[in-house]
PDB file of N, CA and C in Angstrom:
ATOM      1  N   MET A   1       0.860  -1.140  -0.054  1.00  0.00           N
ATOM      2  CA  MET A   1      -0.143   0.153  -0.109  1.00  0.00           C
ATOM      3  C   MET A   1       0.822   1.182  -0.053  1.00  0.00           C
ATOM      4  N   ALA A   2       0.671   2.243  -0.481  1.00  0.00           N
ATOM      5  CA  ALA A   2       1.339   3.452  -0.808  1.00  0.00           C
ATOM      6  C   ALA A   2       1.056   4.149  -0.008  1.00  0.00           C
ATOM      7  N   PHE A   3       2.227   5.099   0.421  1.00  0.00           N
ATOM      8  CA  PHE A   3       1.897   6.311   1.532  1.00  0.00           C
ATOM      9  C   PHE A   3       1.051   7.221   0.604  1.00  0.00           C
ATOM     10  N   MET A   4      -0.114   7.868   1.458  1.00  0.00           N
ATOM     11  CA  MET A   4      -0.882   8.748   1.021  1.00  0.00           C
ATOM     12  C   MET A   4      -0.970   9.853   2.200  1.00  0.00           C
ATOM     13  N   ASP A   5      -0.780  11.127   1.701  1.00  0.00           N
ATOM     14  CA  ASP A   5      -0.457  12.643   2.249  1.00  0.00           C
ATOM     15  C   ASP A   5      -1.570  12.362   3.334  1.00  0.00           C
ATOM     16  N   ASP A   6      -2.801  11.789   3.064  1.00  0.00           N
ATOM     17  CA  ASP A   6      -4.206  12.135   4.016  1.00  0.00           C
ATOM     18  C   ASP A   6      -4.047  11.254   5.238  1.00  0.00           C
ATOM     19  N   ASP A   7      -3.139  10.314   5.248  1.00  0.00           N
ATOM     20  CA  ASP A   7      -2.649   9.591   6.145  1.00  0.00           C
ATOM     21  C   ASP A   7      -1.753   9.809   7.683  1.00  0.00           C
ATOM     22  N   ARG A   8      -1.021  11.363   7.301  1.00  0.00           N
ATOM     23  CA  ARG A   8      -0.195  11.654   8.169  1.00  0.00           C
ATOM     24  C   ARG A   8      -1.152  12.441   9.264  1.00  0.00           C
ATOM     25  N   PRO A   9      -0.668  12.759  10.546  1.00  0.00           N
ATOM     26  CA  PRO A   9      -1.465  13.667  11.330  1.00  0.00           C
ATOM     27  C   PRO A   9      -1.434  15.131  10.954  1.00  0.00           C
ATOM     28  N   LYS A  10      -2.558  15.754  11.440  1.00  0.00           N
ATOM     29  CA  LYS A  10      -2.557  16.989  10.512  1.00  0.00           C
ATOM     30  C   LYS A  10      -2.001  17.883  11.739  1.00  0.00           C
ATOM     31  N   LYS A  11      -0.966  18.956  11.351  1.00  0.00           N
ATOM     32  CA  LYS A  11      -0.297  19.633  12.114  1.00  0.00           C
ATOM     33  C   LYS A  11      -1.074  20.895  12.707  1.00  0.00           C
ATOM     34  N   LYS A  12      -1.344  21.029  13.914  1.00  0.00           N
ATOM     35  CA  LYS A  12      -2.271  21.923  14.790  1.00  0.00           C
ATOM     36  C   LYS A  12      -1.812  23.676  14.661  1.00  0.00           C
ATOM     37  N   PRO A  13      -2.227  24.404  14.138  1.00  0.00           N
ATOM     38  CA  PRO A  13      -1.769  25.462  13.952  1.00  0.00           C
ATOM     39  C   PRO A  13      -1.430  26.173  15.234  1.00  0.00           C
ATOM     40  N   SER A  14      -0.053  26.889  15.349  1.00  0.00           N
ATOM     41  CA  SER A  14       0.054  27.463  16.687  1.00  0.00           C
ATOM     42  C   SER A  14      -0.438  28.370  17.543  1.00  0.00           C
ATOM     43  N   HIS A  15      -1.608  29.331  16.247  1.00  0.00           N
ATOM     44  CA  HIS A  15      -2.253  30.317  16.750  1.00  0.00           C
ATOM     45  C   HIS A  15      -3.772  30.632  16.272  1.00  0.00           C
ATOM     46  N   GLU A  16      -4.561  30.714  16.603  1.00  0.00           N
ATOM     47  CA  GLU A  16      -6.000  30.414  15.223  1.00  0.00           C
ATOM     48  C   GLU A  16      -6.331  31.747  15.958  1.00  0.00           C
ATOM     49  N   ILE A  17      -6.849  32.858  14.885  1.00  0.00           N
ATOM     50  CA  ILE A  17      -7.426  34.095  15.144  1.00  0.00           C
ATOM     51  C   ILE A  17      -8.672  33.922  15.865  1.00  0.00           C
ATOM     52  N   GLY A  18      -8.927  34.485  17.067  1.00  0.00           N
ATOM     53  CA  GLY A  18     -10.125  34.408  17.729  1.00  0.00           C
ATOM     54  C   GLY A  18     -10.358  33.322  18.565  1.00  0.00           C
ATOM     55  N   GLN A  19      -9.146  32.795  19.131  1.00  0.00           N
ATOM     56  CA  GLN A  19      -8.954  31.462  19.810  1.00  0.00           C
ATOM     57  C   GLN A  19      -8.955  32.001  21.348  1.00  0.00           C
ATOM     58  N   ASP A  20      -9.880  30.895  22.178  1.00  0.00           N
ATOM     59  CA  ASP A  20      -9.983  31.016  23.683  1.00  0.00           C
ATOM     60  C   ASP A  20      -8.426  31.206  23.989  1.00  0.00           C
ATOM     61  N   LEU A  21      -8.425  32.416  24.658  1.00  0.00           N
ATOM     62  CA  LEU A  21      -6.939  32.450  25.403  1.00  0.00           C
ATOM     63  C   LEU A  21      -6.951  32.413  26.659  1.00  0.00           C
ATOM     64  N   SER A  22      -7.985  32.153  27.218  1.00  0.00           N
ATOM     65  CA  SER A  22      -7.792  31.904  28.648  1.00  0.00           C
ATOM     66  C   SER A  22      -7.433  31.161  29.175  1.00  0.00           C
ATOM     67  N   LEU A  23      -6.973  29.674  28.724  1.00  0.00           N
ATOM     68  CA  LEU A  23      -6.226  28.473  29.381  1.00  0.00           C
ATOM     69  C   LEU A  23      -4.825  28.551  29.182  1.00  0.00           C
ATOM     70  N   LEU A  24      -4.189  29.762  28.188  1.00  0.00           N
ATOM     71  CA  LEU A  24      -2.960  29.944  28.108  1.00  0.00           C
ATOM     72  C   LEU A  24      -2.229  30.537  29.140  1.00  0.00           C
ATOM     73  N   SER A  25      -0.828  30.125  29.344  1.00  0.00           N
ATOM     74  CA  SER A  25       0.010  30.881  30.373  1.00  0.00           C
ATOM     75  C   SER A  25       0.833  32.055  29.488  1.00  0.00           C
ATOM     76  N   VAL A  26       0.952  32.969  30.843  1.00  0.00           N
ATOM     77  CA  VAL A  26       1.652  33.756  30.271  1.00  0.00           C
ATOM     78  C   VAL A  26       2.959  33.462  29.483  1.00  0.00           C
ATOM     79  N   ALA A  27       4.031  32.764  29.344  1.00  0.00           N
ATOM     80  CA  ALA A  27       5.045  32.287  28.518  1.00  0.00           C
ATOM     81  C   ALA A  27       4.219  31.490  26.785  1.00  0.00           C
ATOM     82  N   GLU A  28       3.446  31.196  27.085  1.00  0.00           N
ATOM     83  CA  GLU A  28       2.481  30.546  25.755  1.00  0.00           C
ATOM     84  C   GLU A  28       1.939  31.743  25.100  1.00  0.00           C
ATOM     85  N   LEU A  29       1.568  32.621  25.805  1.00  0.00           N
ATOM     86  CA  LEU A  29       0.785  34.257  24.955  1.00  0.00           C
ATOM     87  C   LEU A  29       1.974  34.550  24.770  1.00  0.00           C
ATOM     88  N   ASP A  30       3.142  34.972  25.464  1.00  0.00           N
ATOM     89  CA  ASP A  30       4.601  35.584  25.034  1.00  0.00           C
ATOM     90  C   ASP A  30       5.135  34.810  23.735  1.00  0.00           C
ATOM     91  N   GLU A  31       5.056  33.510  23.385  1.00  0.00           N
ATOM     92  CA  GLU A  31       5.389  32.953  22.357  1.00  0.00           C
ATOM     93  C   GLU A  31       4.575  33.291  21.035  1.00  0.00           C
ATOM     94  N   ARG A  32       3.156  33.046  21.324  1.00  0.00           N
ATOM     95  CA  ARG A  32       2.054  33.629  20.420  1.00  0.00           C
ATOM     96  C   ARG A  32       2.156  34.899  19.724  1.00  0.00           C
ATOM     97  N   VAL A  33       2.618  35.846  20.864  1.00  0.00           N
ATOM     98  CA  VAL A  33       2.549  37.267  20.481  1.00  0.00           C
ATOM     99  C   VAL A  33       4.141  37.528  19.300  1.00  0.00           C
ATOM    100  N   ALA A  34       5.111  36.588  19.931  1.00  0.00           N
ATOM    101  CA  ALA A  34       6.218  36.525  19.151  1.00  0.00           C
ATOM    102  C   ALA A  34       6.108  36.200  17.795  1.00  0.00           C
ATOM    103  N   LEU A  35       5.234  35.119  17.992  1.00  0.00           N
ATOM    104  CA  LEU A  35       5.076  34.262  16.521  1.00  0.00           C
ATOM    105  C   LEU A  35       4.132  35.303  15.348  1.00  0.00           C
ATOM    106  N   LEU A  36       3.671  35.999  16.119  1.00  0.00           N
ATOM    107  CA  LEU A  36       2.591  36.991  15.352  1.00  0.00           C
ATOM    108  C   LEU A  36       3.212  38.187  15.146  1.00  0.00           C
ATOM    109  N   GLU A  37       4.173  38.553  15.750  1.00  0.00           N
ATOM    110  CA  GLU A  37       4.983  39.746  15.354  1.00  0.00           C
ATOM    111  C   GLU A  37       5.993  39.426  14.260  1.00  0.00           C
ATOM    112  N   ALA A  38       6.704  37.959  14.063  1.00  0.00           N
ATOM    113  CA  ALA A  38       7.084  37.993  13.177  1.00  0.00           C
ATOM    114  C   ALA A  38       6.413  37.763  11.964  1.00  0.00           C
ATOM    115  N   GLU A  39       5.112  37.362  11.976  1.00  0.00           N
ATOM    116  CA  GLU A  39       4.346  37.015  10.854  1.00  0.00           C
ATOM    117  C   GLU A  39       4.171  38.489  10.165  1.00  0.00           C
ATOM    118  N   ILE A  40       3.505  39.354  11.096  1.00  0.00           N
ATOM    119  CA  ILE A  40       3.613  40.754  10.547  1.00  0.00           C
ATOM    120  C   ILE A  40       4.466  41.435   9.978  1.00  0.00           C
ATOM    121  N   ALA A  41       5.995  41.300  10.610  1.00  0.00           N
ATOM    122  CA  ALA A  41       6.837  41.882   9.597  1.00  0.00           C
ATOM    123  C   ALA A  41       7.341  41.168   8.452  1.00  0.00           C
ATOM    124  N   ARG A  42       6.879  39.610   8.062  1.00  0.00           N
ATOM    125  CA  ARG A  42       6.945  39.116   7.151  1.00  0.00           C
ATOM    126  C   ARG A  42       6.204  39.550   6.172  1.00  0.00           C
ATOM    127  N   LEU A  43       4.802  39.806   6.446  1.00  0.00           N
ATOM    128  CA  LEU A  43       3.783  40.477   5.531  1.00  0.00           C
ATOM    129  C   LEU A  43       3.966  41.900   5.303  1.00  0.00           C
ATOM    130  N   ASN A  44       4.661  42.834   5.789  1.00  0.00           N
ATOM    131  CA  ASN A  44       5.067  44.049   5.816  1.00  0.00           C
ATOM    132  C   ASN A  44       6.126  44.205   4.768  1.00  0.00           C
ATOM    133  N   VAL A  45       7.107  42.821   4.872  1.00  0.00           N
ATOM    134  CA  VAL A  45       8.351  43.222   3.704  1.00  0.00           C
ATOM    135  C   VAL A  45       7.318  42.689   2.362  1.00  0.00           C
ATOM    136  N   ASP A  46       6.920  41.589   2.308  1.00  0.00           N
ATOM    137  CA  ASP A  46       6.222  41.491   1.098  1.00  0.00           C
ATOM    138  C   ASP A  46       5.259  42.762   0.719  1.00  0.00           C
ATOM    139  N   ARG A  47       4.542  43.212   1.479  1.00  0.00           N
ATOM    140  CA  ARG A  47       3.602  44.384   0.972  1.00  0.00           C
ATOM    141  C   ARG A  47       4.548  45.372   0.600  1.00  0.00           C
ATOM    142  N   ALA A  48       5.667  45.679   0.971  1.00  0.00           N
ATOM    143  CA  ALA A  48       6.466  46.756   0.466  1.00  0.00           C
ATOM    144  C   ALA A  48       6.995  46.523  -0.748  1.00  0.00           C
ATOM    145  N   ALA A  49       7.742  45.084  -0.919  1.00  0.00           N
ATOM    146  CA  ALA A  49       8.149  44.575  -2.264  1.00  0.00           C
ATOM    147  C   ALA A  49       7.140  44.619  -3.421  1.00  0.00           C
ATOM    148  N   LYS A  50       5.818  44.317  -3.121  1.00  0.00           N
ATOM    149  CA  LYS A  50       4.546  44.504  -4.139  1.00  0.00           C
ATOM    150  C   LYS A  50       4.307  45.770  -4.297  1.00  0.00           C
ATOM    151  N   LEU A  51       4.232  47.124  -3.328  1.00  0.00           N
ATOM    152  CA  LEU A  51       4.009  48.329  -3.672  1.00  0.00           C
ATOM    153  C   LEU A  51       5.338  48.872  -4.712  1.00  0.00           C
ATOM    154  N   ALA A  52       6.428  48.874  -4.279  1.00  0.00           N
ATOM    155  CA  ALA A  52       7.601  49.179  -5.411  1.00  0.00           C
ATOM    156  C   ALA A  52       7.500  48.484  -6.214  1.00  0.00           C
ATOM    157  N   SER A  53       6.815  47.155  -6.610  1.00  0.00           N
ATOM    158  CA  SER A  53       7.043  46.604  -7.944  1.00  0.00           C
ATOM    159  C   SER A  53       5.846  47.471  -8.515  1.00  0.00           C
ATOM    160  N   LYS A  54       4.513  47.705  -8.020  1.00  0.00           N
ATOM    161  CA  LYS A  54       3.239  48.541  -8.378  1.00  0.00           C
ATOM    162  C   LYS A  54       3.732  50.159  -8.930  1.00  0.00           C
ATOM    163  N   SER A  55       4.237  50.514  -7.978  1.00  0.00           N
ATOM    164  CA  SER A  55       5.205  51.969  -8.574  1.00  0.00           C
ATOM    165  C   SER A  55       6.003  51.840  -9.560  1.00  0.00           C
ATOM    166  N   ALA A  56       6.820  50.973  -9.767  1.00  0.00           N
ATOM    167  CA  ALA A  56       7.652  50.790 -10.786  1.00  0.00           C
ATOM    168  C   ALA A  56       6.932  50.494 -12.313  1.00  0.00           C
ATOM    169  N   ALA A  57       5.757  49.655 -12.107  1.00  0.00           N
ATOM    170  CA  ALA A  57       4.592  49.939 -13.586  1.00  0.00           C
ATOM    171  C   ALA A  57       4.297  50.983 -13.329  1.00  0.00           C
ATOM    172  N   ASP A  58       3.647  51.467 -12.634  1.00  0.00           N
ATOM    173  CA  ASP A  58       3.046  52.981 -12.725  1.00  0.00           C
ATOM    174  C   ASP A  58       4.017  53.896 -13.440  1.00  0.00           C
ATOM    175  N   ALA A  59       5.458  54.175 -13.384  1.00  0.00           N
ATOM    176  CA  ALA A  59       6.190  54.941 -13.645  1.00  0.00           C
ATOM    177  C   ALA A  59       6.516  54.445 -15.080  1.00  0.00           C
ATOM    178  N   VAL A  60       6.479  53.422 -15.484  1.00  0.00           N
ATOM    179  CA  VAL A  60       6.616  52.735 -16.916  1.00  0.00           C
ATOM    180  C   VAL A  60       5.040  53.423 -17.606  1.00  0.00           C
ATOM    181  N   PHE A  61       4.380  52.995 -17.324  1.00  0.00           N
ATOM    182  CA  PHE A  61       3.025  53.279 -18.116  1.00  0.00           C
ATOM    183  C   PHE A  61       2.335  54.493 -17.556  1.00  0.00           C
ATOM    184  N   LYS A  62       2.869  55.245 -17.047  1.00  0.00           N
ATOM    185  CA  LYS A  62       2.759  56.830 -16.517  1.00  0.00           C
ATOM    186  C   LYS A  62       0.891  57.035 -15.869  1.00  0.00           C
ATOM    187  N   ARG A  63       0.690  55.869 -14.999  1.00  0.00           N
ATOM    188  CA  ARG A  63      -0.496  56.179 -14.562  1.00  0.00           C
ATOM    189  C   ARG A  63      -0.704  57.262 -13.820  1.00  0.00           C
TER     190      ARG A  63
END
């Protein structure tokens, strides 16, 4: 029998937006804050790159 991707256990997300936080410790909350801050930084870098690309295209086509 061949290995199927569906047989692998699903990885639980480390944070879900809107999730109940009442059972988390301060350390767990700190970990999630750091995780989310890193993701925000990653999103901002990608956003800046896309804005620069759009700006360059606008300059070429003189929008």
